[in-house]
Amino acid sequence: MLADYHVIVLCGFMGCGKTTVGKALARRLGWEFIDMDSWIEQQAGASVSEIFEIRGEPAFRALEREACRTLAQRSRCVIASGGGALTFAENVQTFRAAQCPIVLLDVPLDVILLRLRSDTTRPLLQRPDKAQAARRLYDARLPLYRAAASLTIAGGNSPAQTARRIAEELQARAALFCSEAEVR
């Protein structure tokens, strides 16, 4: 029944494990894995940090919108979205229109801050008040992630356990959808 899905999108705050869990989920399904930020970097020939610094955030967000449109059309693919990608309604709608389930990896901010404590690659957190900036961004983004998600999974388990849970939940939803369609 997971074959009913052609793309599965993982969303959540930076450092929540989208890439690590996404790779585990793709392996489990035998699908391709794409990290959206890495894909954008390949297309642009520059790192996300460089794009932000040289061209600005609006240019990066335009590249991100194009990435959503292109990647939503892939087949048998797990996508780790960028931390801000699904805070924009247009990107959420792109994936919904392509019938891609969006899975929120819900991880508490204190866990994320531990994971990001020595990270220097995230442009929006490169500032002296990193913890306060992260809190403001997390509080602003979490409601948007929840609104975008068709499934929310607690991200506190191992990547393999989290991937298994996502696969099981999506399988159950696909089976339920098929049963309801047969009744109609």
N, C-alpha and C. Protein backbone atom coordinates (compact mmCIF):
# COMPACT_ATOMS: atom_id res chain seq x y z
N MET A 1 0.80 -1.20 0.00
CA MET A 1 0.00 0.00 0.00
C MET A 1 0.85 1.27 0.00
N LEU A 2 2.09 1.18 0.51
CA LEU A 2 2.95 2.36 0.45
C LEU A 2 3.24 2.72 -1.00
N ALA A 3 3.02 1.80 -1.90
CA ALA A 3 3.20 2.08 -3.32
C ALA A 3 2.20 3.14 -3.79
N ASP A 4 1.12 3.36 -2.99
CA ASP A 4 0.16 4.40 -3.33
C ASP A 4 0.79 5.80 -3.23
N TYR A 5 1.86 5.90 -2.46
CA TYR A 5 2.57 7.16 -2.32
C TYR A 5 3.75 7.16 -3.27
N HIS A 6 4.04 8.28 -3.89
CA HIS A 6 5.21 8.33 -4.76
C HIS A 6 6.34 9.14 -4.12
N VAL A 7 5.98 10.05 -3.24
CA VAL A 7 6.95 10.86 -2.52
C VAL A 7 6.46 11.01 -1.08
N ILE A 8 7.37 10.85 -0.13
CA ILE A 8 7.08 11.11 1.28
C ILE A 8 7.98 12.27 1.70
N VAL A 9 7.38 13.30 2.29
CA VAL A 9 8.12 14.50 2.68
C VAL A 9 8.23 14.55 4.20
N LEU A 10 9.45 14.72 4.70
CA LEU A 10 9.67 14.91 6.13
C LEU A 10 9.86 16.39 6.41
N CYS A 11 9.20 16.88 7.44
CA CYS A 11 9.37 18.28 7.83
C CYS A 11 9.65 18.36 9.31
N GLY A 12 10.08 19.52 9.74
CA GLY A 12 10.37 19.76 11.14
C GLY A 12 11.49 20.77 11.27
N PHE A 13 11.73 21.18 12.51
CA PHE A 13 12.73 22.20 12.78
C PHE A 13 14.12 21.68 12.46
N MET A 14 15.02 22.60 12.13
CA MET A 14 16.40 22.21 11.86
C MET A 14 16.93 21.37 13.02
N GLY A 15 17.64 20.31 12.70
CA GLY A 15 18.21 19.45 13.73
C GLY A 15 17.26 18.40 14.29
N CYS A 16 16.05 18.29 13.74
CA CYS A 16 15.09 17.31 14.27
C CYS A 16 15.36 15.90 13.75
N GLY A 17 16.22 15.76 12.74
CA GLY A 17 16.56 14.44 12.24
C GLY A 17 15.98 14.09 10.88
N LYS A 18 15.53 15.09 10.14
CA LYS A 18 14.91 14.80 8.84
C LYS A 18 15.83 14.03 7.91
N THR A 19 17.09 14.42 7.85
CA THR A 19 18.04 13.75 6.94
C THR A 19 18.35 12.34 7.43
N THR A 20 18.66 12.18 8.69
CA THR A 20 19.02 10.87 9.23
C THR A 20 17.83 9.91 9.15
N VAL A 21 16.66 10.35 9.58
CA VAL A 21 15.46 9.50 9.51
C VAL A 21 15.07 9.27 8.06
N GLY A 22 15.20 10.31 7.23
CA GLY A 22 14.86 10.17 5.81
C GLY A 22 15.69 9.11 5.12
N LYS A 23 16.99 9.08 5.42
CA LYS A 23 17.85 8.05 4.84
C LYS A 23 17.43 6.67 5.31
N ALA A 24 17.11 6.54 6.60
CA ALA A 24 16.67 5.24 7.15
C ALA A 24 15.35 4.81 6.51
N LEU A 25 14.42 5.75 6.33
CA LEU A 25 13.14 5.43 5.72
C LEU A 25 13.32 5.03 4.26
N ALA A 26 14.13 5.76 3.53
CA ALA A 26 14.38 5.43 2.12
C ALA A 26 15.01 4.04 2.00
N ARG A 27 15.97 3.72 2.86
CA ARG A 27 16.57 2.38 2.85
C ARG A 27 15.51 1.31 3.11
N ARG A 28 14.68 1.56 4.10
CA ARG A 28 13.63 0.61 4.49
C ARG A 28 12.68 0.34 3.31
N LEU A 29 12.36 1.39 2.56
CA LEU A 29 11.40 1.26 1.44
C LEU A 29 12.06 0.89 0.12
N GLY A 30 13.39 0.99 0.06
CA GLY A 30 14.08 0.77 -1.21
C GLY A 30 13.88 1.93 -2.17
N TRP A 31 13.71 3.12 -1.61
CA TRP A 31 13.45 4.32 -2.40
C TRP A 31 14.68 5.21 -2.41
N GLU A 32 14.65 6.24 -3.25
CA GLU A 32 15.69 7.26 -3.30
C GLU A 32 15.50 8.22 -2.13
N PHE A 33 16.59 8.78 -1.63
CA PHE A 33 16.53 9.82 -0.60
C PHE A 33 17.09 11.10 -1.17
N ILE A 34 16.39 12.22 -0.91
CA ILE A 34 16.87 13.53 -1.33
C ILE A 34 16.75 14.49 -0.16
N ASP A 35 17.87 15.11 0.19
CA ASP A 35 17.88 16.21 1.15
C ASP A 35 17.67 17.48 0.34
N MET A 36 16.59 18.18 0.59
CA MET A 36 16.23 19.33 -0.23
C MET A 36 17.31 20.41 -0.23
N ASP A 37 17.89 20.70 0.93
CA ASP A 37 18.93 21.73 0.96
C ASP A 37 20.14 21.31 0.12
N SER A 38 20.54 20.04 0.21
CA SER A 38 21.66 19.56 -0.61
C SER A 38 21.32 19.62 -2.10
N TRP A 39 20.08 19.30 -2.44
CA TRP A 39 19.63 19.35 -3.82
C TRP A 39 19.71 20.79 -4.34
N ILE A 40 19.26 21.74 -3.51
CA ILE A 40 19.33 23.15 -3.90
C ILE A 40 20.78 23.57 -4.08
N GLU A 41 21.65 23.15 -3.17
CA GLU A 41 23.07 23.49 -3.27
C GLU A 41 23.66 22.98 -4.59
N GLN A 42 23.30 21.76 -4.98
CA GLN A 42 23.79 21.21 -6.26
C GLN A 42 23.28 22.04 -7.43
N GLN A 43 22.01 22.39 -7.41
CA GLN A 43 21.42 23.16 -8.50
C GLN A 43 22.03 24.55 -8.59
N ALA A 44 22.29 25.17 -7.43
CA ALA A 44 22.78 26.55 -7.39
C ALA A 44 24.30 26.64 -7.48
N GLY A 45 24.98 25.53 -7.22
CA GLY A 45 26.44 25.56 -7.22
C GLY A 45 27.01 26.35 -6.06
N ALA A 46 26.25 26.42 -4.97
CA ALA A 46 26.69 27.15 -3.78
C ALA A 46 26.01 26.55 -2.56
N SER A 47 26.63 26.72 -1.39
CA SER A 47 26.03 26.22 -0.16
C SER A 47 24.86 27.10 0.24
N VAL A 48 23.99 26.58 1.09
CA VAL A 48 22.86 27.36 1.59
C VAL A 48 23.39 28.63 2.26
N SER A 49 24.42 28.51 3.06
CA SER A 49 25.01 29.68 3.75
C SER A 49 25.48 30.72 2.74
N GLU A 50 26.14 30.26 1.66
CA GLU A 50 26.61 31.18 0.63
C GLU A 50 25.45 31.85 -0.09
N ILE A 51 24.40 31.08 -0.38
CA ILE A 51 23.24 31.66 -1.06
C ILE A 51 22.63 32.75 -0.19
N PHE A 52 22.46 32.46 1.11
CA PHE A 52 21.92 33.46 2.04
C PHE A 52 22.81 34.70 2.07
N GLU A 53 24.11 34.48 2.18
CA GLU A 53 25.06 35.60 2.33
C GLU A 53 25.17 36.44 1.07
N ILE A 54 25.27 35.79 -0.09
CA ILE A 54 25.53 36.51 -1.33
C ILE A 54 24.25 37.00 -2.00
N ARG A 55 23.26 36.13 -2.06
CA ARG A 55 22.04 36.46 -2.81
C ARG A 55 20.87 36.85 -1.92
N GLY A 56 20.94 36.49 -0.62
CA GLY A 56 19.88 36.85 0.32
C GLY A 56 18.84 35.75 0.49
N GLU A 57 18.08 35.88 1.58
CA GLU A 57 17.05 34.88 1.88
C GLU A 57 15.97 34.80 0.81
N PRO A 58 15.49 35.93 0.24
CA PRO A 58 14.45 35.81 -0.80
C PRO A 58 14.90 34.95 -1.99
N ALA A 59 16.16 35.07 -2.38
CA ALA A 59 16.66 34.25 -3.49
C ALA A 59 16.68 32.78 -3.10
N PHE A 60 17.08 32.50 -1.86
CA PHE A 60 17.08 31.11 -1.40
C PHE A 60 15.65 30.56 -1.40
N ARG A 61 14.70 31.34 -0.90
CA ARG A 61 13.31 30.86 -0.84
C ARG A 61 12.75 30.61 -2.24
N ALA A 62 13.17 31.38 -3.22
CA ALA A 62 12.74 31.13 -4.61
C ALA A 62 13.29 29.80 -5.10
N LEU A 63 14.55 29.52 -4.79
CA LEU A 63 15.14 28.23 -5.15
C LEU A 63 14.41 27.09 -4.44
N GLU A 64 14.02 27.33 -3.21
CA GLU A 64 13.30 26.33 -2.42
C GLU A 64 11.92 26.04 -3.03
N ARG A 65 11.21 27.08 -3.47
CA ARG A 65 9.91 26.88 -4.12
C ARG A 65 10.05 26.03 -5.37
N GLU A 66 11.08 26.33 -6.16
CA GLU A 66 11.33 25.55 -7.38
C GLU A 66 11.67 24.10 -7.03
N ALA A 67 12.44 23.92 -5.98
CA ALA A 67 12.78 22.56 -5.54
C ALA A 67 11.52 21.79 -5.15
N CYS A 68 10.61 22.42 -4.44
CA CYS A 68 9.36 21.76 -4.05
C CYS A 68 8.57 21.34 -5.28
N ARG A 69 8.46 22.24 -6.26
CA ARG A 69 7.71 21.92 -7.48
C ARG A 69 8.34 20.75 -8.22
N THR A 70 9.65 20.74 -8.32
CA THR A 70 10.35 19.69 -9.06
C THR A 70 10.32 18.36 -8.30
N LEU A 71 10.64 18.40 -7.02
CA LEU A 71 10.75 17.17 -6.23
C LEU A 71 9.40 16.50 -5.97
N ALA A 72 8.32 17.27 -5.95
CA ALA A 72 6.99 16.70 -5.75
C ALA A 72 6.62 15.76 -6.90
N GLN A 73 7.27 15.91 -8.04
CA GLN A 73 6.97 15.08 -9.21
C GLN A 73 7.82 13.82 -9.30
N ARG A 74 8.73 13.64 -8.36
CA ARG A 74 9.58 12.45 -8.37
C ARG A 74 8.75 11.21 -8.08
N SER A 75 9.41 10.07 -8.15
CA SER A 75 8.73 8.81 -7.87
C SER A 75 9.59 7.98 -6.93
N ARG A 76 8.93 7.32 -5.97
CA ARG A 76 9.62 6.46 -5.00
C ARG A 76 10.79 7.19 -4.35
N CYS A 77 10.43 8.27 -3.66
CA CYS A 77 11.44 9.18 -3.13
C CYS A 77 11.02 9.68 -1.74
N VAL A 78 11.98 9.72 -0.82
CA VAL A 78 11.79 10.33 0.49
C VAL A 78 12.57 11.64 0.47
N ILE A 79 11.89 12.73 0.83
CA ILE A 79 12.50 14.05 0.80
C ILE A 79 12.58 14.61 2.22
N ALA A 80 13.77 15.04 2.60
CA ALA A 80 13.94 15.80 3.84
C ALA A 80 13.85 17.27 3.44
N SER A 81 12.75 17.91 3.80
CA SER A 81 12.58 19.31 3.42
C SER A 81 13.51 20.19 4.23
N GLY A 82 13.78 21.36 3.70
CA GLY A 82 14.54 22.34 4.47
C GLY A 82 13.71 22.80 5.65
N GLY A 83 14.36 23.27 6.72
CA GLY A 83 13.65 23.67 7.93
C GLY A 83 12.58 24.72 7.72
N GLY A 84 12.76 25.59 6.73
CA GLY A 84 11.78 26.64 6.50
C GLY A 84 10.85 26.37 5.33
N ALA A 85 11.12 25.35 4.56
CA ALA A 85 10.38 25.11 3.31
C ALA A 85 8.87 25.02 3.53
N LEU A 86 8.45 24.26 4.53
CA LEU A 86 7.02 24.02 4.70
C LEU A 86 6.37 25.01 5.67
N THR A 87 7.06 26.13 5.90
CA THR A 87 6.43 27.24 6.61
C THR A 87 5.75 28.16 5.62
N PHE A 88 5.89 27.86 4.34
CA PHE A 88 5.27 28.65 3.27
C PHE A 88 4.13 27.85 2.66
N ALA A 89 2.93 28.43 2.67
CA ALA A 89 1.73 27.75 2.19
C ALA A 89 1.88 27.26 0.76
N GLU A 90 2.55 28.02 -0.09
CA GLU A 90 2.71 27.61 -1.49
C GLU A 90 3.44 26.27 -1.60
N ASN A 91 4.47 26.07 -0.78
CA ASN A 91 5.22 24.82 -0.83
C ASN A 91 4.40 23.66 -0.28
N VAL A 92 3.66 23.91 0.79
CA VAL A 92 2.78 22.88 1.36
C VAL A 92 1.76 22.48 0.30
N GLN A 93 1.16 23.46 -0.35
CA GLN A 93 0.14 23.17 -1.37
C GLN A 93 0.73 22.39 -2.54
N THR A 94 1.96 22.68 -2.91
CA THR A 94 2.62 21.94 -3.99
C THR A 94 2.67 20.45 -3.67
N PHE A 95 3.09 20.12 -2.45
CA PHE A 95 3.17 18.71 -2.06
C PHE A 95 1.80 18.08 -1.88
N ARG A 96 0.87 18.83 -1.32
CA ARG A 96 -0.50 18.30 -1.16
C ARG A 96 -1.14 18.02 -2.51
N ALA A 97 -0.96 18.94 -3.46
CA ALA A 97 -1.56 18.76 -4.78
C ALA A 97 -1.01 17.52 -5.47
N ALA A 98 0.24 17.18 -5.16
CA ALA A 98 0.86 15.98 -5.74
C ALA A 98 0.58 14.74 -4.88
N GLN A 99 -0.26 14.90 -3.86
CA GLN A 99 -0.65 13.81 -2.96
C GLN A 99 0.53 13.18 -2.23
N CYS A 100 1.46 14.02 -1.81
CA CYS A 100 2.62 13.58 -1.05
C CYS A 100 2.31 13.72 0.44
N PRO A 101 2.36 12.65 1.22
CA PRO A 101 2.17 12.83 2.66
C PRO A 101 3.33 13.63 3.25
N ILE A 102 2.98 14.52 4.16
CA ILE A 102 3.99 15.33 4.86
C ILE A 102 4.03 14.84 6.30
N VAL A 103 5.21 14.42 6.73
CA VAL A 103 5.39 13.84 8.06
C VAL A 103 6.22 14.79 8.91
N LEU A 104 5.65 15.24 10.02
CA LEU A 104 6.36 16.10 10.95
C LEU A 104 7.14 15.25 11.95
N LEU A 105 8.44 15.49 12.04
CA LEU A 105 9.26 14.89 13.09
C LEU A 105 9.26 15.89 14.24
N ASP A 106 8.52 15.56 15.27
CA ASP A 106 8.30 16.46 16.39
C ASP A 106 9.32 16.18 17.49
N VAL A 107 10.28 17.08 17.64
CA VAL A 107 11.36 16.94 18.62
C VAL A 107 11.37 18.20 19.48
N PRO A 108 11.43 18.05 20.81
CA PRO A 108 11.46 19.23 21.68
C PRO A 108 12.69 20.12 21.42
N LEU A 109 12.51 21.41 21.61
CA LEU A 109 13.58 22.36 21.33
C LEU A 109 14.83 22.08 22.15
N ASP A 110 14.71 21.67 23.41
CA ASP A 110 15.91 21.43 24.21
C ASP A 110 16.77 20.33 23.61
N VAL A 111 16.15 19.32 23.03
CA VAL A 111 16.90 18.24 22.35
C VAL A 111 17.57 18.79 21.10
N ILE A 112 16.84 19.59 20.35
CA ILE A 112 17.39 20.19 19.13
C ILE A 112 18.59 21.08 19.46
N LEU A 113 18.48 21.89 20.50
CA LEU A 113 19.58 22.78 20.87
C LEU A 113 20.83 21.98 21.24
N LEU A 114 20.66 20.84 21.89
CA LEU A 114 21.81 19.97 22.18
C LEU A 114 22.45 19.48 20.88
N ARG A 115 21.62 19.09 19.95
CA ARG A 115 22.13 18.60 18.66
C ARG A 115 22.84 19.69 17.87
N LEU A 116 22.38 20.92 18.00
CA LEU A 116 22.92 22.03 17.19
C LEU A 116 23.98 22.86 17.91
N ARG A 117 24.36 22.47 19.11
CA ARG A 117 25.23 23.33 19.94
C ARG A 117 26.52 23.73 19.25
N SER A 118 27.11 22.88 18.42
CA SER A 118 28.37 23.27 17.76
C SER A 118 28.21 23.42 16.25
N ASP A 119 26.97 23.44 15.77
CA ASP A 119 26.69 23.57 14.34
C ASP A 119 26.93 25.01 13.89
N THR A 120 27.66 25.16 12.80
CA THR A 120 27.91 26.51 12.26
C THR A 120 27.39 26.65 10.83
N THR A 121 26.56 25.71 10.40
CA THR A 121 26.12 25.71 9.00
C THR A 121 24.74 26.30 8.80
N ARG A 122 24.05 26.67 9.86
CA ARG A 122 22.67 27.14 9.71
C ARG A 122 22.61 28.66 9.79
N PRO A 123 22.40 29.31 8.64
CA PRO A 123 22.49 30.77 8.56
C PRO A 123 21.60 31.51 9.56
N LEU A 124 20.41 31.01 9.80
CA LEU A 124 19.48 31.74 10.67
C LEU A 124 19.88 31.69 12.15
N LEU A 125 20.85 30.81 12.49
CA LEU A 125 21.28 30.71 13.88
C LEU A 125 22.70 31.20 14.11
N GLN A 126 23.29 31.81 13.12
CA GLN A 126 24.66 32.31 13.27
C GLN A 126 24.61 33.70 13.89
N ARG A 127 24.42 33.72 15.20
CA ARG A 127 24.28 34.96 15.94
C ARG A 127 24.62 34.70 17.40
N PRO A 128 24.96 35.73 18.15
CA PRO A 128 25.36 35.55 19.55
C PRO A 128 24.25 34.99 20.44
N ASP A 129 23.00 35.35 20.15
CA ASP A 129 21.87 34.87 20.97
C ASP A 129 21.22 33.64 20.33
N LYS A 130 22.04 32.67 19.97
CA LYS A 130 21.60 31.49 19.24
C LYS A 130 20.39 30.79 19.90
N ALA A 131 20.44 30.56 21.21
CA ALA A 131 19.35 29.85 21.89
C ALA A 131 18.05 30.65 21.84
N GLN A 132 18.12 31.96 22.06
CA GLN A 132 16.92 32.79 22.02
C GLN A 132 16.37 32.87 20.59
N ALA A 133 17.26 33.00 19.63
CA ALA A 133 16.83 33.06 18.22
C ALA A 133 16.17 31.74 17.83
N ALA A 134 16.76 30.63 18.27
CA ALA A 134 16.18 29.31 17.97
C ALA A 134 14.81 29.19 18.60
N ARG A 135 14.64 29.64 19.82
CA ARG A 135 13.34 29.57 20.51
C ARG A 135 12.28 30.37 19.74
N ARG A 136 12.63 31.59 19.34
CA ARG A 136 11.67 32.42 18.59
C ARG A 136 11.28 31.74 17.27
N LEU A 137 12.27 31.23 16.56
CA LEU A 137 12.02 30.57 15.28
C LEU A 137 11.20 29.29 15.47
N TYR A 138 11.56 28.50 16.47
CA TYR A 138 10.85 27.25 16.77
C TYR A 138 9.39 27.55 17.11
N ASP A 139 9.17 28.52 17.98
CA ASP A 139 7.80 28.87 18.38
C ASP A 139 6.98 29.38 17.19
N ALA A 140 7.62 30.07 16.27
CA ALA A 140 6.92 30.58 15.08
C ALA A 140 6.64 29.46 14.08
N ARG A 141 7.59 28.54 13.95
CA ARG A 141 7.46 27.51 12.90
C ARG A 141 6.65 26.30 13.31
N LEU A 142 6.70 25.90 14.57
CA LEU A 142 6.03 24.65 14.97
C LEU A 142 4.55 24.62 14.59
N PRO A 143 3.77 25.70 14.83
CA PRO A 143 2.37 25.66 14.41
C PRO A 143 2.21 25.48 12.90
N LEU A 144 3.13 26.04 12.12
CA LEU A 144 3.07 25.91 10.66
C LEU A 144 3.38 24.47 10.24
N TYR A 145 4.37 23.85 10.90
CA TYR A 145 4.68 22.45 10.62
C TYR A 145 3.47 21.57 10.95
N ARG A 146 2.87 21.82 12.08
CA ARG A 146 1.70 21.01 12.49
C ARG A 146 0.55 21.16 11.50
N ALA A 147 0.35 22.38 11.01
CA ALA A 147 -0.72 22.62 10.04
C ALA A 147 -0.41 21.93 8.70
N ALA A 148 0.86 21.87 8.33
CA ALA A 148 1.25 21.26 7.06
C ALA A 148 1.19 19.74 7.10
N ALA A 149 1.46 19.16 8.26
CA ALA A 149 1.65 17.71 8.37
C ALA A 149 0.36 16.92 8.27
N SER A 150 0.45 15.82 7.54
CA SER A 150 -0.65 14.87 7.52
C SER A 150 -0.42 13.77 8.57
N LEU A 151 0.80 13.74 9.12
CA LEU A 151 1.17 12.76 10.14
C LEU A 151 2.25 13.37 11.01
N THR A 152 2.11 13.23 12.33
CA THR A 152 3.13 13.71 13.27
C THR A 152 3.70 12.53 14.02
N ILE A 153 5.03 12.45 14.04
CA ILE A 153 5.74 11.37 14.72
C ILE A 153 6.72 12.00 15.71
N ALA A 154 6.70 11.50 16.95
CA ALA A 154 7.68 11.96 17.93
C ALA A 154 9.05 11.50 17.46
N GLY A 155 10.01 12.40 17.47
CA GLY A 155 11.34 12.08 16.94
C GLY A 155 12.34 11.64 17.98
N GLY A 156 11.90 11.17 19.14
CA GLY A 156 12.83 10.82 20.20
C GLY A 156 13.46 9.44 20.10
N ASN A 157 12.97 8.59 19.23
CA ASN A 157 13.53 7.24 19.09
C ASN A 157 14.72 7.23 18.16
N SER A 158 15.31 6.07 17.96
CA SER A 158 16.43 5.95 17.01
C SER A 158 15.90 6.24 15.60
N PRO A 159 16.78 6.63 14.68
CA PRO A 159 16.34 6.86 13.30
C PRO A 159 15.64 5.63 12.70
N ALA A 160 16.17 4.44 12.95
CA ALA A 160 15.55 3.22 12.40
C ALA A 160 14.16 2.99 12.98
N GLN A 161 14.00 3.22 14.29
CA GLN A 161 12.68 3.06 14.91
C GLN A 161 11.70 4.10 14.39
N THR A 162 12.17 5.31 14.24
CA THR A 162 11.30 6.38 13.73
C THR A 162 10.89 6.09 12.28
N ALA A 163 11.84 5.62 11.48
CA ALA A 163 11.53 5.26 10.08
C ALA A 163 10.50 4.13 10.04
N ARG A 164 10.67 3.13 10.90
CA ARG A 164 9.71 2.02 10.94
C ARG A 164 8.32 2.53 11.31
N ARG A 165 8.26 3.41 12.29
CA ARG A 165 6.97 3.95 12.73
C ARG A 165 6.30 4.73 11.61
N ILE A 166 7.06 5.54 10.89
CA ILE A 166 6.50 6.30 9.76
C ILE A 166 5.94 5.34 8.72
N ALA A 167 6.72 4.33 8.35
CA ALA A 167 6.26 3.36 7.34
C ALA A 167 4.99 2.66 7.80
N GLU A 168 4.96 2.24 9.07
CA GLU A 168 3.77 1.56 9.60
C GLU A 168 2.54 2.47 9.59
N GLU A 169 2.71 3.71 10.03
CA GLU A 169 1.59 4.65 10.07
C GLU A 169 1.06 4.96 8.67
N LEU A 170 1.97 5.18 7.73
CA LEU A 170 1.54 5.47 6.35
C LEU A 170 0.89 4.24 5.72
N GLN A 171 1.42 3.07 6.02
CA GLN A 171 0.83 1.82 5.52
C GLN A 171 -0.60 1.68 6.05
N ALA A 172 -0.79 1.93 7.34
CA ALA A 172 -2.12 1.82 7.94
C ALA A 172 -3.08 2.83 7.32
N ARG A 173 -2.60 4.04 7.09
CA ARG A 173 -3.46 5.06 6.49
C ARG A 173 -3.83 4.70 5.06
N ALA A 174 -2.88 4.15 4.30
CA ALA A 174 -3.16 3.74 2.92
C ALA A 174 -4.19 2.61 2.92
N ALA A 175 -4.05 1.66 3.84
CA ALA A 175 -4.99 0.54 3.93
C ALA A 175 -6.38 1.04 4.30
N LEU A 176 -6.44 1.98 5.25
CA LEU A 176 -7.72 2.55 5.66
C LEU A 176 -8.38 3.28 4.50
N PHE A 177 -7.60 4.06 3.75
CA PHE A 177 -8.12 4.80 2.62
C PHE A 177 -8.68 3.83 1.57
N CYS A 178 -7.96 2.73 1.31
CA CYS A 178 -8.43 1.74 0.33
C CYS A 178 -9.71 1.09 0.80
N SER A 179 -9.82 0.77 2.11
CA SER A 179 -11.03 0.15 2.64
C SER A 179 -12.23 1.09 2.52
N GLU A 180 -12.00 2.36 2.81
CA GLU A 180 -13.09 3.33 2.72
C GLU A 180 -13.54 3.50 1.27
N ALA A 181 -12.60 3.46 0.34
CA ALA A 181 -12.93 3.60 -1.08
C ALA A 181 -13.76 2.40 -1.56
N GLU A 182 -13.44 1.20 -1.04
CA GLU A 182 -14.18 0.00 -1.44
C GLU A 182 -15.62 0.05 -0.93
N VAL A 183 -15.83 0.66 0.23
CA VAL A 183 -17.17 0.76 0.82
C VAL A 183 -18.06 1.69 -0.01
N ARG A 184 -17.44 2.73 -0.58
CA ARG A 184 -18.23 3.70 -1.37
C ARG A 184 -18.67 3.08 -2.60
